[in-house]
Amino acid sequence: MIYLEPYCKGKDKSGRKRDTEMLTPPDIQSDNLDRDRQQETKNDHLRPGFVFILYITLEPHPDCTLWPFDCDYYLGHRFRLNGSTVVDSNNDVVEVCADSESILQSIKRENGVLLACASRTSTPEIARQLVQLRGWHLLFDFMEIYPSSKVKHFTALSKKTGVHFNEMIFFDDLDWNIRDAKQLGLHAHHVPNGITTGLVRRALEEYQKWRENQS
């Protein structure tokens, strides 16, 4: 499983340029998931059952995630589609990070990969509505959106997917979440400045090496 914090295209709040390439991990082909469940591929490290999990960090922090705000900010608002954009009760556009959707779609295309999102937001109804209006619910195989701890999210997703903690990859900008994840056995990566495709590639390479050493 991978918990990802997608990033915004362009520059972050510190003025540093962000990576904008599509997520294309090395040696991973895009093909039909059902077909790959029935045959072996060279991508054994992403065998059926390996799960990418996108963690929607809705707590206030300086880095971009799926969207650059805390959902609590929109408490009391109603949302609707205006063309291809989502607007709030004031008809203001609800912004999302520019590369969020391309990252989700790229992950979804990978062989044998399930995609899930999780959030411990205190306003789960807002998070679910925004995910649905963007059409992202069609990309997620699992969603765990409710106030809780990451440990509970990990446990619930492990039970639903059959994936063990040591087969999960986790990204977070908060070091204490990384510590808790590692204690459970997850492959946890601290990304204080947000996630990039380069970080994801390196994490996949490390995971692949770990799998090879286990065989």
C-alpha atoms as a PDB file:
ATOM      1  CA  MET A   1       0.000   0.000   0.000  1.00  0.00           C
ATOM      2  CA  ILE A   2       1.171   3.509  -0.627  1.00  0.00           C
ATOM      3  CA  TYR A   3      -0.094   6.557   1.142  1.00  0.00           C
ATOM      4  CA  LEU A   4       0.652   9.477  -1.170  1.00  0.00           C
ATOM      5  CA  GLU A   5       0.544  13.206  -0.689  1.00  0.00           C
ATOM      6  CA  PRO A   6       0.254  14.542  -4.251  1.00  0.00           C
ATOM      7  CA  TYR A   7       1.829  17.885  -4.897  1.00  0.00           C
ATOM      8  CA  CYS A   8       0.969  21.048  -6.796  1.00  0.00           C
ATOM      9  CA  LYS A   9       2.442  21.945 -10.178  1.00  0.00           C
ATOM     10  CA  GLY A  10       4.618  25.038 -10.386  1.00  0.00           C
ATOM     11  CA  LYS A  11       6.048  26.463  -7.176  1.00  0.00           C
ATOM     12  CA  ASP A  12       5.316  25.752  -3.554  1.00  0.00           C
ATOM     13  CA  LYS A  13       4.789  28.424  -0.927  1.00  0.00           C
ATOM     14  CA  SER A  14       8.530  28.794  -0.427  1.00  0.00           C
ATOM     15  CA  GLY A  15       8.957  29.616  -4.119  1.00  0.00           C
ATOM     16  CA  ARG A  16      10.748  26.387  -4.959  1.00  0.00           C
ATOM     17  CA  LYS A  17       9.901  24.751  -8.266  1.00  0.00           C
ATOM     18  CA  ARG A  18       8.051  21.457  -7.909  1.00  0.00           C
ATOM     19  CA  ASP A  19       8.426  18.319  -9.968  1.00  0.00           C
ATOM     20  CA  THR A  20       5.667  18.085 -12.573  1.00  0.00           C
ATOM     21  CA  GLU A  21       6.274  14.787 -14.365  1.00  0.00           C
ATOM     22  CA  MET A  22       3.696  12.059 -14.574  1.00  0.00           C
ATOM     23  CA  LEU A  23       4.015   9.157 -12.201  1.00  0.00           C
ATOM     24  CA  THR A  24       5.588   6.351 -14.224  1.00  0.00           C
ATOM     25  CA  PRO A  25       7.501   3.973 -11.930  1.00  0.00           C
ATOM     26  CA  PRO A  26      10.297   2.021 -13.687  1.00  0.00           C
ATOM     27  CA  ASP A  27       9.642  -1.429 -15.148  1.00  0.00           C
ATOM     28  CA  ILE A  28       5.896  -1.134 -14.579  1.00  0.00           C
ATOM     29  CA  GLN A  29       3.619  -1.685 -17.539  1.00  0.00           C
ATOM     30  CA  SER A  30       0.005  -0.519 -17.768  1.00  0.00           C
ATOM     31  CA  ASP A  31      -2.373  -3.293 -18.736  1.00  0.00           C
ATOM     32  CA  ASN A  32      -5.636  -4.918 -17.821  1.00  0.00           C
ATOM     33  CA  LEU A  33      -5.900  -5.778 -14.107  1.00  0.00           C
ATOM     34  CA  ASP A  34      -8.098  -8.844 -14.580  1.00  0.00           C
ATOM     35  CA  ARG A  35      -5.738 -10.348 -17.149  1.00  0.00           C
ATOM     36  CA  ASP A  36      -2.761  -9.796 -14.868  1.00  0.00           C
ATOM     37  CA  ARG A  37      -4.532 -11.612 -12.051  1.00  0.00           C
ATOM     38  CA  GLN A  38      -4.443 -14.726 -14.252  1.00  0.00           C
ATOM     39  CA  GLN A  39      -0.844 -14.622 -15.440  1.00  0.00           C
ATOM     40  CA  GLU A  40       2.628 -13.905 -14.122  1.00  0.00           C
ATOM     41  CA  THR A  41       4.330 -10.700 -15.155  1.00  0.00           C
ATOM     42  CA  LYS A  42       7.819  -9.329 -14.730  1.00  0.00           C
ATOM     43  CA  ASN A  43       6.367  -6.908 -12.167  1.00  0.00           C
ATOM     44  CA  ASP A  44       6.147  -9.394  -9.328  1.00  0.00           C
ATOM     45  CA  HIS A  45       6.806  -6.609  -6.820  1.00  0.00           C
ATOM     46  CA  LEU A  46       3.445  -5.158  -7.909  1.00  0.00           C
ATOM     47  CA  ARG A  47       1.607  -8.457  -7.962  1.00  0.00           C
ATOM     48  CA  PRO A  48      -2.196  -8.481  -7.556  1.00  0.00           C
ATOM     49  CA  GLY A  49      -2.919  -7.471  -3.994  1.00  0.00           C
ATOM     50  CA  PHE A  50      -0.315  -4.729  -3.814  1.00  0.00           C
ATOM     51  CA  VAL A  51      -2.203  -1.588  -2.934  1.00  0.00           C
ATOM     52  CA  PHE A  52      -1.482   2.086  -3.406  1.00  0.00           C
ATOM     53  CA  ILE A  53      -3.266   4.161  -0.791  1.00  0.00           C
ATOM     54  CA  LEU A  54      -3.577   7.857  -1.191  1.00  0.00           C
ATOM     55  CA  TYR A  55      -3.835   9.562   2.177  1.00  0.00           C
ATOM     56  CA  ILE A  56      -5.716  12.822   1.990  1.00  0.00           C
ATOM     57  CA  THR A  57      -4.072  14.947   4.651  1.00  0.00           C
ATOM     58  CA  LEU A  58      -6.775  17.396   5.622  1.00  0.00           C
ATOM     59  CA  GLU A  59      -5.025  18.831   8.641  1.00  0.00           C
ATOM     60  CA  PRO A  60      -3.608  22.353   8.243  1.00  0.00           C
ATOM     61  CA  HIS A  61       0.018  22.287   7.060  1.00  0.00           C
ATOM     62  CA  PRO A  62       2.123  24.245   4.539  1.00  0.00           C
ATOM     63  CA  ASP A  63       2.410  21.587   1.871  1.00  0.00           C
ATOM     64  CA  CYS A  64       0.037  20.729  -0.970  1.00  0.00           C
ATOM     65  CA  THR A  65      -1.901  17.475  -0.944  1.00  0.00           C
ATOM     66  CA  LEU A  66      -4.853  16.660  -3.183  1.00  0.00           C
ATOM     67  CA  TRP A  67      -6.154  20.108  -2.484  1.00  0.00           C
ATOM     68  CA  PRO A  68      -4.325  22.958  -0.704  1.00  0.00           C
ATOM     69  CA  PHE A  69      -6.745  23.477   2.189  1.00  0.00           C
ATOM     70  CA  ASP A  70      -8.294  21.910   5.254  1.00  0.00           C
ATOM     71  CA  CYS A  71     -11.827  20.654   4.584  1.00  0.00           C
ATOM     72  CA  ASP A  72     -12.961  22.334   7.808  1.00  0.00           C
ATOM     73  CA  TYR A  73     -12.492  25.614   5.940  1.00  0.00           C
ATOM     74  CA  TYR A  74     -15.588  24.788   3.889  1.00  0.00           C
ATOM     75  CA  LEU A  75     -17.808  23.848   6.826  1.00  0.00           C
ATOM     76  CA  GLY A  76     -21.386  24.916   6.008  1.00  0.00           C
ATOM     77  CA  HIS A  77     -20.760  25.217   2.274  1.00  0.00           C
ATOM     78  CA  ARG A  78     -22.598  23.398  -0.492  1.00  0.00           C
ATOM     79  CA  PHE A  79     -20.733  22.346  -3.596  1.00  0.00           C
ATOM     80  CA  ARG A  80     -21.705  21.902  -7.222  1.00  0.00           C
ATOM     81  CA  LEU A  81     -20.116  21.431 -10.601  1.00  0.00           C
ATOM     82  CA  ASN A  82     -19.699  24.438 -12.868  1.00  0.00           C
ATOM     83  CA  GLY A  83     -18.541  22.839 -16.081  1.00  0.00           C
ATOM     84  CA  SER A  84     -15.513  20.784 -15.109  1.00  0.00           C
ATOM     85  CA  THR A  85     -14.748  22.751 -11.946  1.00  0.00           C
ATOM     86  CA  VAL A  86     -16.166  22.486  -8.442  1.00  0.00           C
ATOM     87  CA  VAL A  87     -17.496  25.669  -6.849  1.00  0.00           C
ATOM     88  CA  ASP A  88     -18.644  26.435  -3.309  1.00  0.00           C
ATOM     89  CA  SER A  89     -21.697  28.305  -2.028  1.00  0.00           C
ATOM     90  CA  ASN A  90     -20.091  31.617  -3.025  1.00  0.00           C
ATOM     91  CA  ASN A  91     -19.432  30.337  -6.557  1.00  0.00           C
ATOM     92  CA  ASP A  92     -15.704  30.410  -5.802  1.00  0.00           C
ATOM     93  CA  VAL A  93     -13.661  27.650  -7.429  1.00  0.00           C
ATOM     94  CA  VAL A  94     -12.522  24.903  -5.064  1.00  0.00           C
ATOM     95  CA  GLU A  95      -8.914  24.534  -6.159  1.00  0.00           C
ATOM     96  CA  VAL A  96      -7.047  21.245  -6.349  1.00  0.00           C
ATOM     97  CA  CYS A  97      -3.362  20.626  -6.893  1.00  0.00           C
ATOM     98  CA  ALA A  98      -2.660  20.615 -10.603  1.00  0.00           C
ATOM     99  CA  ASP A  99      -1.178  17.114 -10.803  1.00  0.00           C
ATOM    100  CA  SER A 100      -3.523  15.350  -8.382  1.00  0.00           C
ATOM    101  CA  GLU A 101      -5.720  13.744 -11.001  1.00  0.00           C
ATOM    102  CA  SER A 102      -2.872  12.685 -13.284  1.00  0.00           C
ATOM    103  CA  ILE A 103      -1.137  10.992 -10.348  1.00  0.00           C
ATOM    104  CA  LEU A 104      -4.313   9.129  -9.393  1.00  0.00           C
ATOM    105  CA  GLN A 105      -4.896   8.009 -12.967  1.00  0.00           C
ATOM    106  CA  SER A 106      -1.290   6.893 -13.379  1.00  0.00           C
ATOM    107  CA  ILE A 107      -1.418   4.785 -10.231  1.00  0.00           C
ATOM    108  CA  LYS A 108      -4.781   3.332 -11.237  1.00  0.00           C
ATOM    109  CA  ARG A 109      -3.380   2.146 -14.568  1.00  0.00           C
ATOM    110  CA  GLU A 110      -0.645   0.013 -13.012  1.00  0.00           C
ATOM    111  CA  ASN A 111      -0.824  -3.785 -13.153  1.00  0.00           C
ATOM    112  CA  GLY A 112      -2.420  -5.460 -10.158  1.00  0.00           C
ATOM    113  CA  VAL A 113      -2.733  -2.237  -8.212  1.00  0.00           C
ATOM    114  CA  LEU A 114      -5.705  -1.228  -6.112  1.00  0.00           C
ATOM    115  CA  LEU A 115      -6.095   2.422  -5.186  1.00  0.00           C
ATOM    116  CA  ALA A 116      -7.488   3.636  -1.898  1.00  0.00           C
ATOM    117  CA  CYS A 117      -7.797   6.885  -0.018  1.00  0.00           C
ATOM    118  CA  ALA A 118      -8.010   7.528   3.687  1.00  0.00           C
ATOM    119  CA  SER A 119      -8.575  10.587   5.813  1.00  0.00           C
ATOM    120  CA  ARG A 120      -9.123  11.290   9.480  1.00  0.00           C
ATOM    121  CA  THR A 121     -10.837  14.593   8.751  1.00  0.00           C
ATOM    122  CA  SER A 122     -13.437  15.843  11.215  1.00  0.00           C
ATOM    123  CA  THR A 123     -15.656  16.744   8.233  1.00  0.00           C
ATOM    124  CA  PRO A 124     -15.827  13.463   6.284  1.00  0.00           C
ATOM    125  CA  GLU A 125     -18.976  14.479   4.423  1.00  0.00           C
ATOM    126  CA  ILE A 126     -17.100  17.386   2.813  1.00  0.00           C
ATOM    127  CA  ALA A 127     -14.162  15.199   1.834  1.00  0.00           C
ATOM    128  CA  ARG A 128     -16.451  12.570   0.303  1.00  0.00           C
ATOM    129  CA  GLN A 129     -18.458  15.161  -1.615  1.00  0.00           C
ATOM    130  CA  LEU A 130     -15.353  16.784  -3.071  1.00  0.00           C
ATOM    131  CA  VAL A 131     -13.898  13.414  -4.044  1.00  0.00           C
ATOM    132  CA  GLN A 132     -17.166  12.473  -5.743  1.00  0.00           C
ATOM    133  CA  LEU A 133     -17.641  15.768  -7.586  1.00  0.00           C
ATOM    134  CA  ARG A 134     -14.127  15.463  -8.989  1.00  0.00           C
ATOM    135  CA  GLY A 135     -14.958  11.948 -10.144  1.00  0.00           C
ATOM    136  CA  TRP A 136     -12.117  10.545  -8.077  1.00  0.00           C
ATOM    137  CA  HIS A 137     -14.411   8.032  -6.378  1.00  0.00           C
ATOM    138  CA  LEU A 138     -14.320   6.127  -9.684  1.00  0.00           C
ATOM    139  CA  LEU A 139     -10.556   5.730  -9.275  1.00  0.00           C
ATOM    140  CA  PHE A 140     -10.583   4.506  -5.679  1.00  0.00           C
ATOM    141  CA  ASP A 141     -11.184   0.853  -4.856  1.00  0.00           C
ATOM    142  CA  PHE A 142     -11.362   1.629  -1.139  1.00  0.00           C
ATOM    143  CA  MET A 143     -12.057   4.753   0.903  1.00  0.00           C
ATOM    144  CA  GLU A 144     -11.543   5.109   4.654  1.00  0.00           C
ATOM    145  CA  ILE A 145     -12.724   8.637   5.467  1.00  0.00           C
ATOM    146  CA  TYR A 146     -13.645   9.179   9.104  1.00  0.00           C
ATOM    147  CA  PRO A 147     -12.140  10.727  12.257  1.00  0.00           C
ATOM    148  CA  SER A 148      -9.734   8.176  13.656  1.00  0.00           C
ATOM    149  CA  SER A 149      -6.058   7.309  13.784  1.00  0.00           C
ATOM    150  CA  LYS A 150      -3.865   6.213  10.897  1.00  0.00           C
ATOM    151  CA  VAL A 151      -3.375   2.916  12.716  1.00  0.00           C
ATOM    152  CA  LYS A 152      -7.105   2.229  12.459  1.00  0.00           C
ATOM    153  CA  HIS A 153      -7.072   3.154   8.759  1.00  0.00           C
ATOM    154  CA  PHE A 154      -4.101   0.838   8.151  1.00  0.00           C
ATOM    155  CA  THR A 155      -5.796  -1.988  10.032  1.00  0.00           C
ATOM    156  CA  ALA A 156      -9.117  -1.585   8.227  1.00  0.00           C
ATOM    157  CA  LEU A 157      -7.467  -1.525   4.806  1.00  0.00           C
ATOM    158  CA  SER A 158      -5.312  -4.527   5.657  1.00  0.00           C
ATOM    159  CA  LYS A 159      -8.399  -6.527   6.605  1.00  0.00           C
ATOM    160  CA  LYS A 160     -10.278  -5.492   3.458  1.00  0.00           C
ATOM    161  CA  THR A 161      -7.413  -6.073   1.031  1.00  0.00           C
ATOM    162  CA  GLY A 162      -5.544  -8.933   2.675  1.00  0.00           C
ATOM    163  CA  VAL A 163      -2.331  -6.913   2.381  1.00  0.00           C
ATOM    164  CA  HIS A 164       0.038  -7.110   5.341  1.00  0.00           C
ATOM    165  CA  PHE A 165       1.548  -4.014   6.936  1.00  0.00           C
ATOM    166  CA  ASN A 166       4.988  -4.900   5.588  1.00  0.00           C
ATOM    167  CA  GLU A 167       3.566  -4.665   2.061  1.00  0.00           C
ATOM    168  CA  MET A 168       2.394  -1.101   2.581  1.00  0.00           C
ATOM    169  CA  ILE A 169       4.319   2.013   1.579  1.00  0.00           C
ATOM    170  CA  PHE A 170       3.464   5.186   3.426  1.00  0.00           C
ATOM    171  CA  PHE A 171       4.283   8.838   2.725  1.00  0.00           C
ATOM    172  CA  ASP A 172       3.594  11.624   5.201  1.00  0.00           C
ATOM    173  CA  ASP A 173       4.938  15.062   6.047  1.00  0.00           C
ATOM    174  CA  LEU A 174       4.550  14.459   9.804  1.00  0.00           C
ATOM    175  CA  ASP A 175       7.447  12.585  11.357  1.00  0.00           C
ATOM    176  CA  TRP A 176       5.416  11.133  14.249  1.00  0.00           C
ATOM    177  CA  ASN A 177       3.069   9.478  11.752  1.00  0.00           C
ATOM    178  CA  ILE A 178       6.114   7.996  10.039  1.00  0.00           C
ATOM    179  CA  ARG A 179       7.325   6.672  13.391  1.00  0.00           C
ATOM    180  CA  ASP A 180       3.959   5.053  14.154  1.00  0.00           C
ATOM    181  CA  ALA A 181       3.778   3.517  10.685  1.00  0.00           C
ATOM    182  CA  LYS A 182       7.273   2.038  10.950  1.00  0.00           C
ATOM    183  CA  GLN A 183       6.407   0.501  14.302  1.00  0.00           C
ATOM    184  CA  LEU A 184       3.637  -1.415  12.530  1.00  0.00           C
ATOM    185  CA  GLY A 185       6.073  -2.570   9.860  1.00  0.00           C
ATOM    186  CA  LEU A 186       5.124  -0.242   7.018  1.00  0.00           C
ATOM    187  CA  HIS A 187       7.666   1.095   4.542  1.00  0.00           C
ATOM    188  CA  ALA A 188       7.297   4.707   5.663  1.00  0.00           C
ATOM    189  CA  HIS A 189       8.842   7.726   3.940  1.00  0.00           C
ATOM    190  CA  HIS A 190       9.014  11.189   5.473  1.00  0.00           C
ATOM    191  CA  VAL A 191       8.277  13.901   2.885  1.00  0.00           C
ATOM    192  CA  PRO A 192       8.292  17.246   4.758  1.00  0.00           C
ATOM    193  CA  ASN A 193       8.166  19.170   1.468  1.00  0.00           C
ATOM    194  CA  GLY A 194       5.486  17.041  -0.167  1.00  0.00           C
ATOM    195  CA  ILE A 195       5.536  14.048  -2.475  1.00  0.00           C
ATOM    196  CA  THR A 196       7.170  13.973  -5.905  1.00  0.00           C
ATOM    197  CA  THR A 197       7.260  11.363  -8.645  1.00  0.00           C
ATOM    198  CA  GLY A 198      10.966  10.914  -7.963  1.00  0.00           C
ATOM    199  CA  LEU A 199      10.255  10.017  -4.341  1.00  0.00           C
ATOM    200  CA  VAL A 200       7.617   7.529  -5.414  1.00  0.00           C
ATOM    201  CA  ARG A 201       9.983   5.884  -7.882  1.00  0.00           C
ATOM    202  CA  ARG A 202      12.709   5.556  -5.262  1.00  0.00           C
ATOM    203  CA  ALA A 203      10.225   4.133  -2.762  1.00  0.00           C
ATOM    204  CA  LEU A 204       9.103   1.538  -5.302  1.00  0.00           C
ATOM    205  CA  GLU A 205      12.703   0.612  -6.066  1.00  0.00           C
ATOM    206  CA  GLU A 206      13.438   0.188  -2.352  1.00  0.00           C
ATOM    207  CA  TYR A 207      10.320  -1.917  -1.949  1.00  0.00           C
ATOM    208  CA  GLN A 208      11.274  -4.089  -4.911  1.00  0.00           C
ATOM    209  CA  LYS A 209      14.746  -4.685  -3.442  1.00  0.00           C
ATOM    210  CA  TRP A 210      13.161  -5.586  -0.109  1.00  0.00           C
ATOM    211  CA  ARG A 211      10.865  -8.097  -1.837  1.00  0.00           C
ATOM    212  CA  GLU A 212      13.799  -9.648  -3.683  1.00  0.00           C
ATOM    213  CA  ASN A 213      15.699 -10.048  -0.413  1.00  0.00           C
ATOM    214  CA  GLN A 214      12.696 -11.823   1.124  1.00  0.00           C
ATOM    215  CA  SER A 215      12.593 -14.467  -1.612  1.00  0.00           C
END
